[in-house]
Amino acid sequence: MITAYFDDSGTHGQAADIVLVAGIFLDHNWKHHLDSPLCGQKDPISRFHAYDCDNSIGDFTRWTRTETDYFRHQLRTLIIESDVAAYGMACSRKDWDELITGDIRSVLGTPEGFCINQCFVRSVGWAQANTFDPHMTFVFDNRPAGVQRYAGTVYDAFEKWVYPPPQLVGCAFLSSTKIRPLQAADLIAWELYRYANSILIEGLSVPAQKEILHLKAGINFDAQMATRENIMKVRDHWLNYFKDKPGWLEQFANHFDFFDPLNPNYSNLSDK
């Protein structure tokens, strides 16, 4: 079974970007690096978090810039050697919140919800194009209840409408302390988040940092970014789709607003 692991960056506070990354990751050495960082020169790390590492806080307090950079390089190399595939979606929070409102926001979600949606799309597409595995499951790092409900609603739609293979067999929110592949997804998300932030500030011509290029050169890594122009195209596409379908947008909005994945009820989608 293929497992897609998702983690986020930029979702805490009012950062400009949101990134969620799906990594197909099976590891046996990640624990060793956390138990004995820098060949035992540092104390064990309970949970790797890329932001903490980059800023020398938490478990990385008093680490030098050279040490944190080298440790992240070690972990990126481990990801590359694990022969994984990854996808990342970045979204401009300010532009999304300004342009996506009302019923269409209920359907497409918050900026984070839209990124979750796209990670489902691209992960399933990758599995269909690159593997013969008949089953696929999704694991997210723990998120607030509202995010979990929306993700569960999107997953339910994919489960009902995506023809196998792969057959979708589960979606869970778990602790990245216990599920270490989520920590690998966090590292990829952080590097992509930094690059996406640079693009928002300086434009698409800004050079990518060496860390994201290291990952891009070593693994099957695809990424997208929802800029203001792209967000307008997404909005207009869906508004045009619903334009000649009276009542559909309102029904879909009600469904995404109130659907409980633990107690499915599809009455909001019935013809009236």
Protein backbone atom coordinates (compact mmCIF):
# COMPACT_ATOMS: atom_id res chain seq x y z
CA MET A 1 0.00 0.00 0.00
CA ILE A 2 1.17 3.50 -0.83
CA THR A 3 1.04 6.02 2.00
CA ALA A 4 1.10 9.74 1.26
CA TYR A 5 2.32 11.84 4.19
CA PHE A 6 1.31 15.50 4.39
CA ASP A 7 2.75 18.28 6.50
CA ASP A 8 2.41 22.04 6.35
CA SER A 9 4.44 25.19 6.68
CA GLY A 10 3.22 28.76 7.08
CA THR A 11 -0.13 27.76 8.59
CA HIS A 12 0.62 29.08 12.08
CA GLY A 13 -0.21 32.77 12.39
CA GLN A 14 -0.79 35.11 9.45
CA ALA A 15 2.08 34.14 7.16
CA ALA A 16 1.72 34.97 3.48
CA ASP A 17 2.02 31.42 2.13
CA ILE A 18 0.65 28.07 3.01
CA VAL A 19 2.38 24.92 1.89
CA LEU A 20 1.29 21.34 2.24
CA VAL A 21 3.53 18.59 0.91
CA ALA A 22 2.75 14.96 0.17
CA GLY A 23 5.77 12.68 0.37
CA ILE A 24 5.83 8.99 -0.41
CA PHE A 25 8.32 7.98 2.24
CA LEU A 26 9.44 4.76 3.90
CA ASP A 27 12.45 5.13 6.17
CA HIS A 28 14.76 3.16 8.43
CA ASN A 29 17.50 5.71 9.18
CA TRP A 30 15.51 8.78 10.24
CA LYS A 31 15.32 7.59 13.86
CA HIS A 32 19.09 7.11 13.98
CA HIS A 33 19.72 10.72 12.97
CA LEU A 34 17.31 11.99 15.63
CA ASP A 35 18.66 9.71 18.35
CA SER A 36 22.27 10.60 17.58
CA PRO A 37 22.42 13.96 15.79
CA LEU A 38 25.67 14.90 14.06
CA CYS A 39 27.19 11.50 14.85
CA GLY A 40 26.37 11.81 18.56
CA GLN A 41 27.77 15.29 19.06
CA LYS A 42 24.34 16.66 20.00
CA ASP A 43 21.62 15.55 22.41
CA PRO A 44 18.79 13.38 21.00
CA ILE A 45 15.94 15.18 19.23
CA SER A 46 12.40 14.25 20.22
CA ARG A 47 10.84 15.52 16.98
CA PHE A 48 12.42 17.19 13.98
CA HIS A 49 10.78 20.46 13.01
CA ALA A 50 12.42 22.34 10.15
CA TYR A 51 11.45 25.81 11.43
CA ASP A 52 13.04 25.08 14.82
CA CYS A 53 16.17 23.74 13.15
CA ASP A 54 16.51 26.73 10.83
CA ASN A 55 16.06 29.15 13.73
CA SER A 56 18.07 27.24 16.39
CA ILE A 57 15.19 26.98 18.85
CA GLY A 58 13.55 24.10 20.72
CA ASP A 59 15.68 20.96 20.44
CA PHE A 60 18.14 22.99 18.36
CA THR A 61 18.85 25.70 20.93
CA ARG A 62 22.55 26.71 20.85
CA TRP A 63 23.16 24.92 17.57
CA THR A 64 25.28 27.03 15.21
CA ARG A 65 24.18 27.93 11.68
CA THR A 66 26.80 25.53 10.31
CA GLU A 67 25.42 22.70 12.44
CA THR A 68 21.76 23.28 11.55
CA ASP A 69 22.56 23.63 7.82
CA TYR A 70 24.61 20.44 7.82
CA PHE A 71 21.97 18.50 9.75
CA ARG A 72 19.24 19.55 7.31
CA HIS A 73 21.57 18.53 4.47
CA GLN A 74 21.93 15.09 6.08
CA LEU A 75 18.16 14.69 6.33
CA ARG A 76 17.57 15.90 2.76
CA THR A 77 20.12 13.35 1.59
CA LEU A 78 18.28 10.65 3.51
CA ILE A 79 15.03 11.64 1.81
CA ILE A 80 16.71 11.48 -1.59
CA GLU A 81 18.23 8.08 -0.88
CA SER A 82 14.80 6.76 0.14
CA ASP A 83 13.64 7.21 -3.47
CA VAL A 84 10.45 9.10 -2.63
CA ALA A 85 8.17 11.32 -4.67
CA ALA A 86 6.87 14.63 -3.35
CA TYR A 87 4.39 17.31 -4.30
CA GLY A 88 3.96 20.75 -2.78
CA MET A 89 1.26 23.38 -3.10
CA ALA A 90 1.80 26.99 -2.04
CA CYS A 91 -0.96 29.59 -1.82
CA SER A 92 -0.94 33.33 -1.18
CA ARG A 93 -3.14 33.72 1.88
CA LYS A 94 -3.87 37.43 1.40
CA ASP A 95 -4.96 37.06 -2.23
CA TRP A 96 -7.00 33.93 -1.55
CA ASP A 97 -8.88 35.56 1.34
CA GLU A 98 -9.64 38.62 -0.79
CA LEU A 99 -10.77 36.77 -3.93
CA ILE A 100 -12.38 33.55 -2.68
CA THR A 101 -15.48 34.43 -0.66
CA GLY A 102 -19.05 33.30 -0.15
CA ASP A 103 -20.32 29.94 -1.37
CA ILE A 104 -17.31 29.31 -3.61
CA ARG A 105 -15.05 29.58 -0.55
CA SER A 106 -17.14 26.94 1.19
CA VAL A 107 -16.45 24.58 -1.71
CA LEU A 108 -12.80 25.43 -2.38
CA GLY A 109 -11.91 25.93 1.28
CA THR A 110 -9.51 28.21 3.08
CA PRO A 111 -6.01 28.62 1.62
CA GLU A 112 -4.94 25.57 3.61
CA GLY A 113 -8.02 23.66 2.48
CA PHE A 114 -7.26 24.41 -1.17
CA CYS A 115 -3.72 23.12 -0.71
CA ILE A 116 -5.08 19.94 0.88
CA ASN A 117 -7.43 19.52 -2.05
CA GLN A 118 -4.62 19.83 -4.58
CA CYS A 119 -2.39 17.44 -2.65
CA PHE A 120 -5.12 14.80 -2.93
CA VAL A 121 -5.43 15.46 -6.67
CA ARG A 122 -1.73 15.26 -7.40
CA SER A 123 -0.96 12.35 -5.07
CA VAL A 124 -3.66 10.16 -6.61
CA GLY A 125 -2.54 11.21 -10.08
CA TRP A 126 1.06 10.32 -9.27
CA ALA A 127 0.05 6.91 -7.94
CA GLN A 128 -2.02 6.17 -11.07
CA ALA A 129 0.82 7.17 -13.38
CA ASN A 130 3.77 5.62 -11.57
CA THR A 131 2.73 2.57 -9.55
CA PHE A 132 0.69 -0.62 -9.72
CA ASP A 133 -0.16 -0.65 -6.03
CA PRO A 134 -3.92 -1.22 -5.60
CA HIS A 135 -4.33 0.74 -2.35
CA MET A 136 -3.47 4.22 -1.08
CA THR A 137 -3.87 5.94 2.27
CA PHE A 138 -3.25 9.50 3.49
CA VAL A 139 -1.65 10.68 6.73
CA PHE A 140 -1.65 14.30 7.88
CA ASP A 141 0.12 15.92 10.79
CA ASN A 142 -2.34 16.89 13.54
CA ARG A 143 -4.39 19.96 12.60
CA PRO A 144 -7.35 21.82 14.17
CA ALA A 145 -10.78 20.21 14.05
CA GLY A 146 -12.03 22.44 11.22
CA VAL A 147 -9.11 21.50 8.98
CA GLN A 148 -9.62 17.82 9.77
CA ARG A 149 -13.33 18.03 8.90
CA TYR A 150 -12.68 19.75 5.57
CA ALA A 151 -9.91 17.30 4.67
CA GLY A 152 -12.21 14.42 5.58
CA THR A 153 -14.94 15.86 3.36
CA VAL A 154 -12.54 16.15 0.42
CA TYR A 155 -11.25 12.64 1.05
CA ASP A 156 -14.81 11.32 1.10
CA ALA A 157 -15.44 12.87 -2.31
CA PHE A 158 -12.27 11.33 -3.74
CA GLU A 159 -13.11 7.96 -2.23
CA LYS A 160 -16.55 8.04 -3.86
CA TRP A 161 -15.55 9.35 -7.30
CA VAL A 162 -11.97 8.25 -8.05
CA TYR A 163 -11.94 4.94 -9.85
CA PRO A 164 -9.29 2.50 -8.60
CA PRO A 165 -6.51 1.77 -8.79
CA PRO A 166 -5.57 2.99 -6.37
CA GLN A 167 -8.44 2.29 -4.03
CA LEU A 168 -8.44 4.91 -1.27
CA VAL A 169 -8.53 3.09 2.05
CA GLY A 170 -7.91 5.66 4.78
CA CYS A 171 -7.23 9.22 5.91
CA ALA A 172 -5.83 10.04 9.36
CA PHE A 173 -4.41 12.93 11.40
CA LEU A 174 -1.54 11.69 13.56
CA SER A 175 1.33 13.00 15.67
CA SER A 176 4.52 13.69 13.76
CA THR A 177 6.44 12.80 16.92
CA LYS A 178 5.31 9.21 16.45
CA ILE A 179 4.99 9.11 12.65
CA ARG A 180 8.45 10.10 11.46
CA PRO A 181 7.71 10.28 7.73
CA LEU A 182 5.64 13.36 8.61
CA GLN A 183 8.87 14.97 9.78
CA ALA A 184 10.38 14.36 6.35
CA ALA A 185 7.32 16.00 4.79
CA ASP A 186 7.83 18.93 7.19
CA LEU A 187 11.38 19.43 5.94
CA ILE A 188 10.26 19.45 2.31
CA ALA A 189 7.39 21.81 3.17
CA TRP A 190 9.73 24.22 4.93
CA GLU A 191 12.18 24.42 2.03
CA LEU A 192 9.35 24.98 -0.43
CA TYR A 193 7.74 27.53 1.88
CA ARG A 194 10.94 29.59 1.93
CA TYR A 195 11.11 29.56 -1.86
CA ALA A 196 7.41 30.44 -2.24
CA ASN A 197 7.84 33.38 0.15
CA SER A 198 10.72 34.66 -1.96
CA ILE A 199 8.56 34.43 -5.09
CA LEU A 200 5.79 36.49 -3.47
CA ILE A 201 8.26 39.17 -2.44
CA GLU A 202 10.58 39.27 -5.48
CA GLY A 203 8.64 37.63 -8.31
CA LEU A 204 8.93 34.42 -10.30
CA SER A 205 12.45 35.25 -11.50
CA VAL A 206 13.92 34.95 -7.99
CA PRO A 207 16.61 32.22 -7.88
CA ALA A 208 15.70 29.09 -5.94
CA GLN A 209 17.78 28.47 -2.82
CA LYS A 210 20.31 25.65 -2.85
CA GLU A 211 18.28 23.52 -0.42
CA ILE A 212 15.23 23.27 -2.69
CA LEU A 213 17.50 22.62 -5.68
CA HIS A 214 19.16 19.79 -3.73
CA LEU A 215 15.78 18.12 -3.28
CA LYS A 216 14.62 18.84 -6.83
CA ALA A 217 17.77 17.26 -8.27
CA GLY A 218 17.42 14.11 -6.20
CA ILE A 219 13.73 13.15 -6.16
CA ASN A 220 10.58 13.30 -8.23
CA PHE A 221 9.44 16.64 -6.80
CA ASP A 222 6.68 18.73 -8.34
CA ALA A 223 5.35 21.98 -6.92
CA GLN A 224 2.78 24.64 -7.73
CA MET A 225 1.97 28.08 -6.41
CA ALA A 226 -1.38 29.85 -6.37
CA THR A 227 -0.52 33.47 -7.11
CA ARG A 228 -3.16 36.17 -7.38
CA GLU A 229 -3.53 35.61 -11.13
CA ASN A 230 -3.89 31.85 -10.71
CA ILE A 231 -6.39 32.25 -7.88
CA MET A 232 -8.56 34.43 -10.12
CA LYS A 233 -8.46 31.73 -12.80
CA VAL A 234 -9.50 29.06 -10.28
CA ARG A 235 -12.37 31.23 -9.02
CA ASP A 236 -13.62 32.07 -12.51
CA HIS A 237 -13.37 28.44 -13.66
CA TRP A 238 -15.63 27.20 -10.87
CA LEU A 239 -18.06 30.11 -11.04
CA ASN A 240 -18.47 29.42 -14.77
CA TYR A 241 -18.92 25.71 -14.06
CA PHE A 242 -21.80 26.40 -11.67
CA LYS A 243 -23.27 29.24 -13.75
CA ASP A 244 -25.69 27.11 -15.78
CA LYS A 245 -26.46 24.70 -12.94
CA PRO A 246 -29.07 26.46 -10.76
CA GLY A 247 -28.81 25.64 -7.09
CA TRP A 248 -25.73 23.44 -7.42
CA LEU A 249 -23.26 25.90 -5.89
CA GLU A 250 -25.48 26.44 -2.85
CA GLN A 251 -25.90 22.67 -2.38
CA PHE A 252 -22.18 22.04 -2.68
CA ALA A 253 -21.46 24.89 -0.26
CA ASN A 254 -23.88 23.46 2.30
CA HIS A 255 -22.31 20.05 1.89
CA PHE A 256 -18.76 21.31 2.49
CA ASP A 257 -19.89 23.55 5.35
CA PHE A 258 -21.76 20.90 7.32
CA PHE A 259 -20.67 17.43 6.18
CA ASP A 260 -19.35 15.25 9.00
CA PRO A 261 -16.97 12.58 7.65
CA LEU A 262 -17.59 10.47 10.76
CA ASN A 263 -21.36 10.51 10.20
CA PRO A 264 -21.85 10.91 6.44
CA ASN A 265 -25.06 12.56 5.28
CA TYR A 266 -25.47 13.45 1.60
CA SER A 267 -28.90 15.06 1.81
CA ASN A 268 -27.49 18.51 0.97
CA LEU A 269 -26.59 17.18 -2.47
CA SER A 270 -30.02 15.77 -3.31
CA ASP A 271 -32.16 17.29 -6.05
CA LYS A 272 -34.83 19.64 -4.74
